Amino acid sequence: MATDIRSMMFVFEDLIRVDDRGMREILKKVETPQLTLALKTASEEMKQKIMGNLSQRAAEMILEDLAVMGPVKLSEVEEAQQAIINAAKELEADGTLSLGGKGKEDMLV
């Protein structure tokens, strides 16, 4: 039950804590249009984290798409963000990355 609650509490902005290698693995599993949509309501810090793990060309294209993107439904943005969270959770289940923040016993030293 605690695991279920913990997984529901994990939100898109929590991905800021993922290391750069892990973020690149997540981004490999995400389609560009989905990522662009997910970034629509993201904090500036989150945008910087993601853009820093993309090629310069890909980052420029996404920023350009965001600039010209018109209004979208919040539910669509949240759906795109949830898809990225699900990709991260799949990678964690595979042992590819650690999402961290699960407690002292899961801390890497």
N, C-alpha and C. Protein backbone atom coordinates (compact mmCIF):
# COMPACT_ATOMS: atom_id res chain seq x y z
N MET A 1 0.82 -1.18 0.00
CA MET A 1 0.00 0.00 0.00
C MET A 1 0.88 1.26 0.00
N ALA A 2 1.96 1.23 0.78
CA ALA A 2 2.86 2.38 0.83
C ALA A 2 3.48 2.64 -0.54
N THR A 3 3.82 1.58 -1.27
CA THR A 3 4.40 1.72 -2.60
C THR A 3 3.41 2.37 -3.55
N ASP A 4 2.14 1.98 -3.45
CA ASP A 4 1.11 2.57 -4.30
C ASP A 4 0.96 4.06 -4.02
N ILE A 5 0.95 4.42 -2.76
CA ILE A 5 0.81 5.83 -2.38
C ILE A 5 2.02 6.62 -2.85
N ARG A 6 3.20 6.06 -2.68
CA ARG A 6 4.43 6.72 -3.10
C ARG A 6 4.43 6.96 -4.60
N SER A 7 3.96 5.97 -5.37
CA SER A 7 3.96 6.13 -6.83
C SER A 7 2.95 7.17 -7.28
N MET A 8 1.86 7.31 -6.55
CA MET A 8 0.87 8.33 -6.90
C MET A 8 1.38 9.73 -6.56
N MET A 9 2.28 9.81 -5.60
CA MET A 9 2.80 11.10 -5.18
C MET A 9 3.91 11.60 -6.10
N PHE A 10 4.44 10.75 -6.96
CA PHE A 10 5.51 11.13 -7.87
C PHE A 10 4.92 11.94 -9.01
N VAL A 11 5.38 13.17 -9.18
CA VAL A 11 4.85 14.04 -10.22
C VAL A 11 5.96 14.41 -11.21
N PHE A 12 5.56 15.00 -12.31
CA PHE A 12 6.49 15.35 -13.39
C PHE A 12 7.68 16.17 -12.90
N GLU A 13 7.42 17.16 -12.07
CA GLU A 13 8.50 18.03 -11.58
C GLU A 13 9.53 17.27 -10.73
N ASP A 14 9.15 16.11 -10.19
CA ASP A 14 10.08 15.30 -9.41
C ASP A 14 11.22 14.75 -10.27
N LEU A 15 11.03 14.75 -11.58
CA LEU A 15 12.08 14.26 -12.48
C LEU A 15 13.32 15.14 -12.45
N ILE A 16 13.22 16.32 -11.85
CA ILE A 16 14.39 17.20 -11.71
C ILE A 16 15.49 16.48 -10.93
N ARG A 17 15.11 15.61 -10.01
CA ARG A 17 16.08 14.90 -9.16
C ARG A 17 16.80 13.77 -9.87
N VAL A 18 16.35 13.39 -11.06
CA VAL A 18 17.00 12.32 -11.81
C VAL A 18 18.33 12.84 -12.35
N ASP A 19 19.37 12.02 -12.26
CA ASP A 19 20.67 12.45 -12.78
C ASP A 19 20.62 12.56 -14.31
N ASP A 20 21.64 13.22 -14.87
CA ASP A 20 21.63 13.49 -16.31
C ASP A 20 21.61 12.21 -17.15
N ARG A 21 22.35 11.21 -16.73
CA ARG A 21 22.35 9.94 -17.48
C ARG A 21 20.96 9.33 -17.49
N GLY A 22 20.31 9.35 -16.35
CA GLY A 22 18.96 8.83 -16.25
C GLY A 22 17.97 9.63 -17.07
N MET A 23 18.13 10.95 -17.07
CA MET A 23 17.24 11.81 -17.85
C MET A 23 17.38 11.51 -19.33
N ARG A 24 18.60 11.29 -19.79
CA ARG A 24 18.80 10.96 -21.21
C ARG A 24 18.12 9.64 -21.56
N GLU A 25 18.16 8.67 -20.64
CA GLU A 25 17.47 7.39 -20.87
C GLU A 25 15.96 7.59 -20.97
N ILE A 26 15.42 8.44 -20.11
CA ILE A 26 13.99 8.73 -20.16
C ILE A 26 13.64 9.39 -21.48
N LEU A 27 14.43 10.38 -21.88
CA LEU A 27 14.13 11.12 -23.10
C LEU A 27 14.20 10.25 -24.35
N LYS A 28 14.99 9.18 -24.31
CA LYS A 28 15.05 8.25 -25.45
C LYS A 28 13.71 7.57 -25.66
N LYS A 29 12.93 7.41 -24.58
CA LYS A 29 11.67 6.69 -24.65
C LYS A 29 10.47 7.59 -24.95
N VAL A 30 10.72 8.90 -25.11
CA VAL A 30 9.63 9.86 -25.25
C VAL A 30 9.64 10.47 -26.65
N GLU A 31 8.47 10.55 -27.26
CA GLU A 31 8.33 11.19 -28.56
C GLU A 31 8.43 12.71 -28.39
N THR A 32 9.01 13.39 -29.36
CA THR A 32 9.21 14.84 -29.28
C THR A 32 7.91 15.62 -29.10
N PRO A 33 6.83 15.31 -29.84
CA PRO A 33 5.59 16.07 -29.63
C PRO A 33 5.04 15.90 -28.20
N GLN A 34 5.19 14.71 -27.67
CA GLN A 34 4.73 14.44 -26.30
C GLN A 34 5.57 15.24 -25.30
N LEU A 35 6.87 15.29 -25.51
CA LEU A 35 7.75 16.05 -24.63
C LEU A 35 7.43 17.54 -24.70
N THR A 36 7.21 18.04 -25.90
CA THR A 36 6.88 19.46 -26.07
C THR A 36 5.60 19.80 -25.32
N LEU A 37 4.60 18.97 -25.46
CA LEU A 37 3.33 19.19 -24.76
C LEU A 37 3.52 19.14 -23.25
N ALA A 38 4.31 18.20 -22.77
CA ALA A 38 4.55 18.06 -21.33
C ALA A 38 5.25 19.29 -20.75
N LEU A 39 6.07 19.94 -21.56
CA LEU A 39 6.81 21.11 -21.09
C LEU A 39 5.98 22.39 -21.06
N LYS A 40 4.78 22.33 -21.57
CA LYS A 40 3.92 23.52 -21.66
C LYS A 40 3.72 24.18 -20.29
N THR A 41 3.55 23.41 -19.23
CA THR A 41 3.32 23.97 -17.90
C THR A 41 4.50 23.72 -16.95
N ALA A 42 5.59 23.22 -17.48
CA ALA A 42 6.74 22.88 -16.63
C ALA A 42 7.43 24.14 -16.12
N SER A 43 8.05 24.00 -14.96
CA SER A 43 8.82 25.11 -14.39
C SER A 43 10.04 25.39 -15.26
N GLU A 44 10.60 26.57 -15.12
CA GLU A 44 11.79 26.93 -15.88
C GLU A 44 12.94 25.98 -15.54
N GLU A 45 13.04 25.59 -14.27
CA GLU A 45 14.09 24.67 -13.83
C GLU A 45 13.95 23.31 -14.53
N MET A 46 12.72 22.83 -14.65
CA MET A 46 12.48 21.55 -15.30
C MET A 46 12.81 21.64 -16.79
N LYS A 47 12.42 22.75 -17.42
CA LYS A 47 12.73 22.94 -18.84
C LYS A 47 14.25 22.93 -19.05
N GLN A 48 14.98 23.61 -18.18
CA GLN A 48 16.44 23.65 -18.30
C GLN A 48 17.05 22.27 -18.12
N LYS A 49 16.53 21.50 -17.19
CA LYS A 49 17.03 20.14 -16.95
C LYS A 49 16.86 19.29 -18.21
N ILE A 50 15.69 19.37 -18.82
CA ILE A 50 15.43 18.57 -20.02
C ILE A 50 16.23 19.08 -21.21
N MET A 51 16.22 20.38 -21.42
CA MET A 51 16.95 20.95 -22.55
C MET A 51 18.46 20.67 -22.46
N GLY A 52 18.98 20.63 -21.25
CA GLY A 52 20.39 20.34 -21.06
C GLY A 52 20.77 18.91 -21.39
N ASN A 53 19.77 18.05 -21.51
CA ASN A 53 20.03 16.64 -21.83
C ASN A 53 19.60 16.27 -23.24
N LEU A 54 19.31 17.28 -24.04
CA LEU A 54 18.99 17.08 -25.45
C LEU A 54 20.11 17.67 -26.29
N SER A 55 20.16 17.28 -27.54
CA SER A 55 21.11 17.93 -28.45
C SER A 55 20.67 19.38 -28.62
N GLN A 56 21.59 20.22 -29.01
CA GLN A 56 21.27 21.63 -29.17
C GLN A 56 20.16 21.82 -30.20
N ARG A 57 20.23 21.08 -31.27
CA ARG A 57 19.22 21.18 -32.33
C ARG A 57 17.85 20.75 -31.84
N ALA A 58 17.78 19.64 -31.12
CA ALA A 58 16.51 19.16 -30.60
C ALA A 58 15.92 20.15 -29.59
N ALA A 59 16.77 20.70 -28.74
CA ALA A 59 16.31 21.67 -27.75
C ALA A 59 15.76 22.91 -28.43
N GLU A 60 16.44 23.39 -29.47
CA GLU A 60 15.99 24.57 -30.20
C GLU A 60 14.64 24.31 -30.87
N MET A 61 14.47 23.12 -31.45
CA MET A 61 13.20 22.78 -32.10
C MET A 61 12.06 22.76 -31.08
N ILE A 62 12.30 22.17 -29.93
CA ILE A 62 11.25 22.10 -28.91
C ILE A 62 10.91 23.48 -28.39
N LEU A 63 11.92 24.31 -28.15
CA LEU A 63 11.66 25.67 -27.68
C LEU A 63 10.88 26.48 -28.72
N GLU A 64 11.21 26.27 -29.98
CA GLU A 64 10.48 26.95 -31.05
C GLU A 64 9.03 26.47 -31.10
N ASP A 65 8.83 25.16 -30.99
CA ASP A 65 7.47 24.61 -30.99
C ASP A 65 6.67 25.13 -29.80
N LEU A 66 7.31 25.23 -28.65
CA LEU A 66 6.63 25.76 -27.46
C LEU A 66 6.21 27.21 -27.67
N ALA A 67 7.07 27.99 -28.32
CA ALA A 67 6.79 29.40 -28.54
C ALA A 67 5.58 29.63 -29.45
N VAL A 68 5.40 28.75 -30.42
CA VAL A 68 4.28 28.93 -31.36
C VAL A 68 3.06 28.10 -30.99
N MET A 69 3.17 27.27 -29.97
CA MET A 69 2.05 26.42 -29.57
C MET A 69 0.94 27.28 -28.98
N GLY A 70 -0.23 27.07 -29.47
CA GLY A 70 -1.39 27.80 -28.94
C GLY A 70 -1.87 27.16 -27.65
N PRO A 71 -3.00 27.62 -27.17
CA PRO A 71 -3.57 27.05 -25.94
C PRO A 71 -3.90 25.57 -26.13
N VAL A 72 -3.64 24.80 -25.10
CA VAL A 72 -3.98 23.37 -25.10
C VAL A 72 -4.69 23.04 -23.80
N LYS A 73 -5.45 21.97 -23.82
CA LYS A 73 -6.16 21.55 -22.62
C LYS A 73 -5.16 21.09 -21.57
N LEU A 74 -5.39 21.49 -20.34
CA LEU A 74 -4.53 21.07 -19.24
C LEU A 74 -4.51 19.55 -19.13
N SER A 75 -5.64 18.91 -19.39
CA SER A 75 -5.69 17.45 -19.30
C SER A 75 -4.74 16.79 -20.31
N GLU A 76 -4.55 17.42 -21.47
CA GLU A 76 -3.63 16.87 -22.47
C GLU A 76 -2.19 17.01 -22.00
N VAL A 77 -1.88 18.15 -21.37
CA VAL A 77 -0.54 18.36 -20.84
C VAL A 77 -0.26 17.35 -19.73
N GLU A 78 -1.21 17.18 -18.83
CA GLU A 78 -1.04 16.22 -17.73
C GLU A 78 -0.90 14.80 -18.24
N GLU A 79 -1.61 14.47 -19.30
CA GLU A 79 -1.50 13.13 -19.90
C GLU A 79 -0.10 12.91 -20.47
N ALA A 80 0.44 13.92 -21.14
CA ALA A 80 1.80 13.82 -21.69
C ALA A 80 2.82 13.70 -20.56
N GLN A 81 2.64 14.47 -19.49
CA GLN A 81 3.54 14.39 -18.35
C GLN A 81 3.47 13.01 -17.70
N GLN A 82 2.27 12.46 -17.60
CA GLN A 82 2.11 11.13 -16.99
C GLN A 82 2.78 10.06 -17.84
N ALA A 83 2.73 10.21 -19.15
CA ALA A 83 3.39 9.24 -20.03
C ALA A 83 4.91 9.26 -19.80
N ILE A 84 5.47 10.44 -19.56
CA ILE A 84 6.91 10.55 -19.29
C ILE A 84 7.23 9.93 -17.93
N ILE A 85 6.38 10.18 -16.95
CA ILE A 85 6.56 9.56 -15.63
C ILE A 85 6.50 8.04 -15.76
N ASN A 86 5.57 7.54 -16.55
CA ASN A 86 5.45 6.09 -16.74
C ASN A 86 6.71 5.52 -17.40
N ALA A 87 7.29 6.25 -18.35
CA ALA A 87 8.53 5.80 -18.99
C ALA A 87 9.64 5.73 -17.95
N ALA A 88 9.70 6.73 -17.06
CA ALA A 88 10.72 6.74 -16.01
C ALA A 88 10.52 5.56 -15.06
N LYS A 89 9.28 5.28 -14.72
CA LYS A 89 8.99 4.17 -13.81
C LYS A 89 9.34 2.83 -14.45
N GLU A 90 9.13 2.71 -15.76
CA GLU A 90 9.52 1.47 -16.46
C GLU A 90 11.03 1.28 -16.39
N LEU A 91 11.77 2.37 -16.60
CA LEU A 91 13.23 2.29 -16.53
C LEU A 91 13.69 1.96 -15.12
N GLU A 92 12.98 2.47 -14.13
CA GLU A 92 13.33 2.15 -12.75
C GLU A 92 13.06 0.66 -12.47
N ALA A 93 11.94 0.15 -12.97
CA ALA A 93 11.61 -1.26 -12.77
C ALA A 93 12.64 -2.17 -13.44
N ASP A 94 13.18 -1.71 -14.59
CA ASP A 94 14.21 -2.48 -15.30
C ASP A 94 15.57 -2.39 -14.62
N GLY A 95 15.70 -1.45 -13.69
CA GLY A 95 16.98 -1.26 -13.03
C GLY A 95 17.90 -0.32 -13.78
N THR A 96 17.38 0.34 -14.82
CA THR A 96 18.19 1.24 -15.63
C THR A 96 18.51 2.54 -14.90
N LEU A 97 17.55 3.00 -14.06
CA LEU A 97 17.78 4.23 -13.31
C LEU A 97 17.08 4.15 -11.97
N SER A 98 17.44 5.07 -11.11
CA SER A 98 16.83 5.17 -9.79
C SER A 98 16.16 6.53 -9.69
N LEU A 99 14.88 6.52 -9.36
CA LEU A 99 14.16 7.77 -9.24
C LEU A 99 14.44 8.44 -7.91
N GLY A 100 14.97 7.69 -6.95
CA GLY A 100 15.35 8.28 -5.66
C GLY A 100 14.17 8.80 -4.88
N GLY A 101 14.47 9.40 -3.75
CA GLY A 101 13.45 9.98 -2.92
C GLY A 101 12.55 8.98 -2.24
N LYS A 102 12.95 7.74 -2.17
CA LYS A 102 12.09 6.73 -1.60
C LYS A 102 12.34 6.48 -0.14
N GLY A 103 13.34 7.10 0.38
CA GLY A 103 13.64 6.89 1.79
C GLY A 103 15.11 6.58 1.99
N LYS A 104 15.52 6.59 3.22
CA LYS A 104 16.93 6.42 3.55
C LYS A 104 17.48 5.07 3.09
N GLU A 105 16.66 4.02 3.15
CA GLU A 105 17.16 2.70 2.78
C GLU A 105 17.48 2.58 1.30
N ASP A 106 16.92 3.45 0.45
CA ASP A 106 17.18 3.39 -0.98
C ASP A 106 18.23 4.39 -1.43
N MET A 107 18.85 5.10 -0.51
CA MET A 107 19.82 6.12 -0.85
C MET A 107 21.10 5.46 -1.38
N LEU A 108 21.63 6.04 -2.46
CA LEU A 108 22.89 5.55 -3.02
C LEU A 108 24.03 6.32 -2.40
N VAL A 109 25.08 5.62 -1.97
CA VAL A 109 26.24 6.27 -1.35
C VAL A 109 27.50 5.84 -2.05
